[in-house]
């Protein structure tokens, strides 16, 4: 449980959840995160014993990422999620309830399960899983700024947190410097994209609070979908960006999509990298792939 989710609104959600758990007389243990990546440490401790259990994350997409990176063996858990973040993109393709009471009821009385794959990113000595997406360039720079944005906290208090990424995006358009990007996929094909604004590797179809960058991405498939935006004038970027809310951006020149299981990415100048909206610093080289192992998740209808 991340009490600081959505600008410290997480505890309000926990109060709702706790009442329902007591009402249903459910046996459980709860762990509250206290610092960045604490959820990873907690998940590792909980799962290292090898017991089969239901593990539930309450927070945003970043909390989901931290928890899944701490799980010792994915096959030993059934995963549930109660959204409490700003964007909550993880729930969209899985059709999970938004309201806490409904999300909890879905976990306590499950009807639907899905076995989903996760993405994995390697940069330097760092190897991390991701559930929703990873990216390099413009979209990652947006995530970096959002993580420290007072604007985000202000909008969250007004229940307008989903506008955060849109506002920051226009700021990052001014700052971004497109780069030549080389992409090797599945060890057999190489592409070069001049003046690349960003590359998004999508396990799910949405990121950034509802931008459907890869409309056909499916976490049940052992492959990732990639969206590459390149060769556009900065001032033309907002048009396909706005169209991405409905997944219509792929009809624009300079927006390419492809699907593969493994990809190696290179740029000459270090660019911002994100994993499920969390910062992974600035990198020139990345290896991104879809894992063969699967995670059993309690899904919605």
Protein backbone atom coordinates (compact mmCIF):
# COMPACT_ATOMS: atom_id res chain seq x y z
CA UNK A 1 0.00 0.00 0.00
CA UNK A 2 1.44 3.34 -1.11
CA UNK A 3 -0.01 5.98 1.25
CA UNK A 4 1.50 8.80 -0.84
CA UNK A 5 -0.20 7.75 -4.07
CA UNK A 6 -2.00 10.51 -5.92
CA UNK A 7 -0.51 13.31 -3.84
CA UNK A 8 -1.07 11.64 -0.45
CA UNK A 9 -4.66 10.55 -1.16
CA UNK A 10 -3.64 6.92 -0.79
CA UNK A 11 -4.58 6.71 2.89
CA UNK A 12 -8.14 7.78 2.12
CA UNK A 13 -8.40 4.84 -0.23
CA UNK A 14 -6.88 2.53 2.37
CA UNK A 15 -9.51 3.62 4.91
CA UNK A 16 -12.20 2.53 2.46
CA UNK A 17 -10.44 -0.77 1.76
CA UNK A 18 -9.83 -1.53 5.43
CA UNK A 19 -13.51 -1.12 6.31
CA UNK A 20 -14.51 -3.51 3.53
CA UNK A 21 -11.90 -6.09 4.60
CA UNK A 22 -13.19 -6.03 8.16
CA UNK A 23 -16.77 -6.27 6.94
CA UNK A 24 -15.96 -9.39 4.91
CA UNK A 25 -13.79 -10.82 7.71
CA UNK A 26 -10.84 -11.32 5.40
CA UNK A 27 -7.48 -12.52 6.71
CA UNK A 28 -4.68 -10.34 5.35
CA UNK A 29 -1.38 -8.61 6.04
CA UNK A 30 -0.78 -5.02 4.93
CA UNK A 31 2.57 -3.31 4.35
CA UNK A 32 2.88 0.46 3.88
CA UNK A 33 5.64 1.87 1.70
CA UNK A 34 7.84 4.52 3.30
CA UNK A 35 10.39 5.44 0.63
CA UNK A 36 11.07 4.98 -3.12
CA UNK A 37 11.45 1.29 -4.11
CA UNK A 38 10.28 0.17 -0.66
CA UNK A 39 7.50 -1.80 -2.38
CA UNK A 40 10.20 -3.79 -4.21
CA UNK A 41 11.90 -4.66 -0.93
CA UNK A 42 8.59 -5.61 0.69
CA UNK A 43 7.48 -7.79 -2.23
CA UNK A 44 10.83 -9.59 -2.19
CA UNK A 45 10.51 -10.39 1.51
CA UNK A 46 6.89 -11.54 1.16
CA UNK A 47 7.58 -13.85 -1.81
CA UNK A 48 11.05 -15.22 -1.09
CA UNK A 49 9.59 -18.02 1.06
CA UNK A 50 8.10 -19.70 -1.99
CA UNK A 51 4.50 -19.76 -0.72
CA UNK A 52 1.65 -19.41 -3.19
CA UNK A 53 -0.32 -16.29 -2.32
CA UNK A 54 -2.47 -13.45 -3.58
CA UNK A 55 -0.41 -10.27 -3.69
CA UNK A 56 -2.28 -6.97 -4.05
CA UNK A 57 -0.81 -3.58 -4.91
CA UNK A 58 -2.63 -0.37 -3.93
CA UNK A 59 -1.15 2.68 -5.62
CA UNK A 60 -0.34 3.91 -9.10
CA UNK A 61 1.41 2.30 -12.06
CA UNK A 62 4.73 3.02 -10.35
CA UNK A 63 3.67 1.00 -7.32
CA UNK A 64 2.72 -1.91 -9.60
CA UNK A 65 6.17 -1.67 -11.17
CA UNK A 66 7.95 -1.69 -7.82
CA UNK A 67 5.96 -4.65 -6.52
CA UNK A 68 6.48 -6.77 -9.63
CA UNK A 69 10.21 -6.05 -9.58
CA UNK A 70 10.38 -7.46 -6.07
CA UNK A 71 8.53 -10.72 -6.73
CA UNK A 72 11.02 -13.57 -6.57
CA UNK A 73 9.05 -16.01 -8.74
CA UNK A 74 6.07 -14.79 -10.72
CA UNK A 75 4.49 -18.24 -10.89
CA UNK A 76 3.96 -18.31 -7.13
CA UNK A 77 1.57 -15.35 -6.97
CA UNK A 78 -1.84 -14.30 -8.12
CA UNK A 79 -1.72 -10.55 -8.57
CA UNK A 80 -4.49 -8.08 -7.75
CA UNK A 81 -4.52 -4.33 -8.20
CA UNK A 82 -6.49 -1.50 -6.62
CA UNK A 83 -5.76 1.73 -8.54
CA UNK A 84 -4.85 4.79 -6.51
CA UNK A 85 -2.60 6.72 -8.88
CA UNK A 86 -2.90 9.64 -11.29
CA UNK A 87 -2.89 7.79 -14.60
CA UNK A 88 -3.72 4.15 -13.75
CA UNK A 89 -2.98 2.93 -17.27
CA UNK A 90 -2.50 -0.65 -16.07
CA UNK A 91 -6.24 -1.06 -15.45
CA UNK A 92 -7.38 -0.14 -18.96
CA UNK A 93 -6.55 -3.23 -21.02
CA UNK A 94 -7.38 -5.49 -18.08
CA UNK A 95 -10.80 -3.85 -17.59
CA UNK A 96 -10.26 -3.43 -13.86
CA UNK A 97 -12.66 -1.37 -11.72
CA UNK A 98 -11.63 2.17 -10.81
CA UNK A 99 -13.53 2.57 -7.55
CA UNK A 100 -11.76 1.06 -4.51
CA UNK A 101 -14.77 -0.88 -3.21
CA UNK A 102 -15.42 -2.44 -6.62
CA UNK A 103 -11.73 -3.20 -7.16
CA UNK A 104 -11.52 -4.96 -3.81
CA UNK A 105 -14.72 -6.91 -4.46
CA UNK A 106 -13.24 -8.03 -7.79
CA UNK A 107 -10.20 -9.38 -5.92
CA UNK A 108 -12.10 -11.08 -3.10
CA UNK A 109 -14.66 -12.63 -5.46
CA UNK A 110 -12.71 -13.11 -8.71
CA UNK A 111 -14.43 -14.31 -11.86
CA UNK A 112 -11.81 -13.59 -14.51
CA UNK A 113 -8.10 -14.27 -14.67
CA UNK A 114 -5.50 -13.48 -17.31
CA UNK A 115 -1.97 -14.74 -17.76
CA UNK A 116 0.03 -11.76 -18.93
CA UNK A 117 3.62 -11.30 -20.00
CA UNK A 118 5.79 -8.49 -18.67
CA UNK A 119 8.37 -6.38 -20.40
CA UNK A 120 11.99 -6.32 -19.33
CA UNK A 121 14.54 -3.57 -19.83
CA UNK A 122 18.32 -3.79 -19.50
CA UNK A 123 20.41 -0.63 -19.32
CA UNK A 124 23.96 -1.01 -18.07
CA UNK A 125 23.89 -3.28 -15.04
CA UNK A 126 20.21 -2.56 -14.36
CA UNK A 127 17.54 -5.12 -15.27
CA UNK A 128 13.92 -4.31 -14.50
CA UNK A 129 10.47 -5.57 -15.37
CA UNK A 130 7.67 -3.33 -16.57
CA UNK A 131 3.95 -3.97 -16.73
CA UNK A 132 2.65 -1.10 -18.88
CA UNK A 133 5.43 0.47 -20.93
CA UNK A 134 8.96 1.71 -21.16
CA UNK A 135 10.27 4.51 -23.32
CA UNK A 136 13.18 6.68 -24.30
CA UNK A 137 13.12 10.33 -25.32
CA UNK A 138 10.23 12.75 -25.16
CA UNK A 139 7.71 10.55 -23.33
CA UNK A 140 10.30 9.59 -20.71
CA UNK A 141 11.25 13.25 -20.21
CA UNK A 142 7.58 13.94 -19.48
CA UNK A 143 7.61 11.20 -16.83
CA UNK A 144 10.82 12.58 -15.28
CA UNK A 145 9.28 16.04 -14.95
CA UNK A 146 5.93 14.69 -13.69
CA UNK A 147 7.66 12.85 -10.83
CA UNK A 148 8.80 16.14 -9.32
CA UNK A 149 6.02 18.40 -10.56
CA UNK A 150 4.09 20.62 -8.15
CA UNK A 151 1.68 21.10 -11.05
CA UNK A 152 0.85 17.39 -10.83
CA UNK A 153 0.16 17.62 -7.10
CA UNK A 154 -2.07 20.66 -7.64
CA UNK A 155 -4.12 18.93 -10.36
CA UNK A 156 -4.42 15.77 -8.29
CA UNK A 157 -6.00 17.79 -5.49
CA UNK A 158 -8.54 19.07 -8.02
CA UNK A 159 -9.05 15.49 -9.28
CA UNK A 160 -7.57 16.55 -12.62
CA UNK A 161 -4.33 14.60 -12.36
CA UNK A 162 -4.72 13.13 -15.86
CA UNK A 163 -4.11 16.59 -17.30
CA UNK A 164 -0.63 16.62 -15.78
CA UNK A 165 1.00 14.75 -18.63
CA UNK A 166 -0.68 16.88 -21.27
CA UNK A 167 0.57 20.12 -19.70
CA UNK A 168 4.09 18.85 -19.17
CA UNK A 169 4.16 17.45 -22.71
CA UNK A 170 3.87 20.91 -24.24
CA UNK A 171 6.70 22.12 -22.00
CA UNK A 172 8.93 19.21 -23.06
CA UNK A 173 8.25 19.88 -26.75
CA UNK A 174 10.14 23.13 -26.32
CA UNK A 175 13.06 21.42 -24.56
CA UNK A 176 13.42 18.22 -26.59
CA UNK A 177 16.22 17.60 -29.10
CA UNK A 178 15.37 14.85 -31.63
CA UNK A 179 18.12 12.27 -32.20
CA UNK A 180 19.02 9.62 -34.78
CA UNK A 181 17.86 6.30 -33.31
CA UNK A 182 19.01 2.84 -34.39
CA UNK A 183 16.72 -0.07 -33.62
CA UNK A 184 17.65 -3.76 -33.94
CA UNK A 185 14.70 -6.15 -33.57
CA UNK A 186 14.69 -9.89 -32.89
CA UNK A 187 18.34 -10.11 -33.91
CA UNK A 188 17.57 -9.96 -37.62
CA UNK A 189 16.34 -6.52 -38.71
CA UNK A 190 17.81 -3.04 -38.28
CA UNK A 191 16.01 0.28 -38.69
CA UNK A 192 17.25 3.84 -38.43
CA UNK A 193 14.89 6.65 -37.57
CA UNK A 194 16.22 10.18 -38.15
CA UNK A 195 15.28 12.97 -35.78
CA UNK A 196 13.47 10.66 -33.37
CA UNK A 197 11.37 12.35 -30.74
CA UNK A 198 10.67 9.22 -28.76
CA UNK A 199 10.24 5.47 -28.78
CA UNK A 200 7.61 3.80 -26.60
CA UNK A 201 7.78 0.06 -25.94
CA UNK A 202 4.26 -0.97 -25.00
CA UNK A 203 3.15 -4.08 -23.15
CA UNK A 204 -0.31 -2.54 -22.73
CA UNK A 205 -1.91 -0.17 -25.21
CA UNK A 206 -2.09 2.94 -22.99
CA UNK A 207 0.44 5.09 -21.16
CA UNK A 208 0.70 8.62 -19.78
CA UNK A 209 -2.85 8.81 -18.49
CA UNK A 210 -4.75 7.34 -21.44
CA UNK A 211 -2.59 7.91 -24.53
CA UNK A 212 -3.15 4.87 -26.72
CA UNK A 213 0.25 4.81 -28.41
CA UNK A 214 -0.02 1.15 -29.48
CA UNK A 215 -3.72 0.35 -29.93
CA UNK A 216 -3.04 -3.31 -30.74
CA UNK A 217 -0.68 -4.04 -27.83
CA UNK A 218 -1.82 -6.98 -25.73
CA UNK A 219 -0.07 -8.14 -22.53
CA UNK A 220 -1.34 -11.69 -23.12
CA UNK A 221 0.81 -11.85 -26.27
CA UNK A 222 4.49 -12.79 -26.04
CA UNK A 223 5.56 -9.65 -27.85
CA UNK A 224 5.83 -5.91 -27.34
CA UNK A 225 4.48 -3.20 -29.62
CA UNK A 226 6.66 -0.19 -30.38
CA UNK A 227 5.63 3.33 -31.35
CA UNK A 228 8.34 5.53 -32.86
CA UNK A 229 7.73 9.22 -33.57
CA UNK A 230 10.39 10.75 -35.81
CA UNK A 231 11.15 13.30 -38.50
CA UNK A 232 8.50 15.78 -37.38
CA UNK A 233 8.86 19.46 -36.71
CA UNK A 234 8.42 20.10 -32.99
CA UNK A 235 5.42 22.26 -33.68
CA UNK A 236 3.65 19.50 -35.59
CA UNK A 237 4.01 17.03 -32.72
CA UNK A 238 0.90 18.15 -30.75
CA UNK A 239 -1.41 17.04 -33.58
CA UNK A 240 -0.53 13.30 -33.53
CA UNK A 241 -0.06 13.53 -29.76
CA UNK A 242 -3.67 14.65 -29.29
CA UNK A 243 -4.82 12.04 -31.80
CA UNK A 244 -3.11 9.37 -29.66
CA UNK A 245 -5.83 9.77 -27.03
CA UNK A 246 -8.07 7.84 -29.42
CA UNK A 247 -5.29 5.79 -31.01
CA UNK A 248 -5.62 7.66 -34.31
CA UNK A 249 -2.04 8.99 -34.40
CA UNK A 250 -0.75 6.06 -36.48
CA UNK A 251 -2.28 7.57 -39.63
CA UNK A 252 0.18 10.50 -39.48
CA UNK A 253 3.46 10.57 -41.36
CA UNK A 254 6.37 10.23 -38.95
CA UNK A 255 4.55 7.81 -36.64
CA UNK A 256 5.60 4.17 -37.08
CA UNK A 257 4.62 1.06 -35.14
CA UNK A 258 6.10 -2.43 -35.12
CA UNK A 259 5.94 -5.59 -33.06
CA UNK A 260 8.75 -7.82 -31.83
CA UNK A 261 9.94 -9.84 -28.85
CA UNK A 262 13.39 -8.30 -28.44
CA UNK A 263 14.83 -4.93 -29.40
CA UNK A 264 18.15 -3.16 -28.98
CA UNK A 265 18.09 0.63 -29.08
CA UNK A 266 20.98 3.05 -29.57
CA UNK A 267 21.24 6.84 -29.64
CA UNK A 268 24.47 8.84 -29.59
CA UNK A 269 23.27 11.34 -26.98
CA UNK A 270 21.89 10.12 -23.63
CA UNK A 271 18.11 10.51 -23.49
CA UNK A 272 15.62 10.18 -20.65
CA UNK A 273 14.31 6.66 -20.03
CA UNK A 274 11.24 5.60 -18.07
CA UNK A 275 9.85 2.30 -16.84
CA UNK A 276 6.10 2.41 -16.09
CA UNK A 277 6.43 6.15 -15.61
CA UNK A 278 9.37 5.85 -13.19
CA UNK A 279 12.76 7.33 -14.03
CA UNK A 280 15.57 5.10 -15.26
CA UNK A 281 18.00 7.98 -15.76
CA UNK A 282 19.52 8.98 -19.09
CA UNK A 283 20.81 6.28 -21.42
CA UNK A 284 22.30 5.73 -24.89
CA UNK A 285 21.78 1.96 -25.12
CA UNK A 286 18.83 -0.19 -24.08
CA UNK A 287 17.77 -3.80 -24.49
CA UNK A 288 14.02 -4.31 -24.24
CA UNK A 289 12.23 -7.64 -24.47
CA UNK A 290 9.02 -9.45 -23.63
CA UNK A 291 9.44 -12.09 -20.94
CA UNK A 292 8.51 -15.71 -21.64
CA UNK A 293 7.19 -16.21 -18.10
CA UNK A 294 3.69 -15.07 -17.28
CA UNK A 295 1.91 -13.46 -14.34
CA UNK A 296 -1.54 -14.65 -13.25
CA UNK A 297 -3.63 -11.58 -12.63
CA UNK A 298 -7.16 -11.06 -11.38
CA UNK A 299 -8.80 -9.25 -14.29
CA UNK A 300 -12.09 -7.46 -14.81
CA UNK A 301 -14.97 -8.50 -17.03
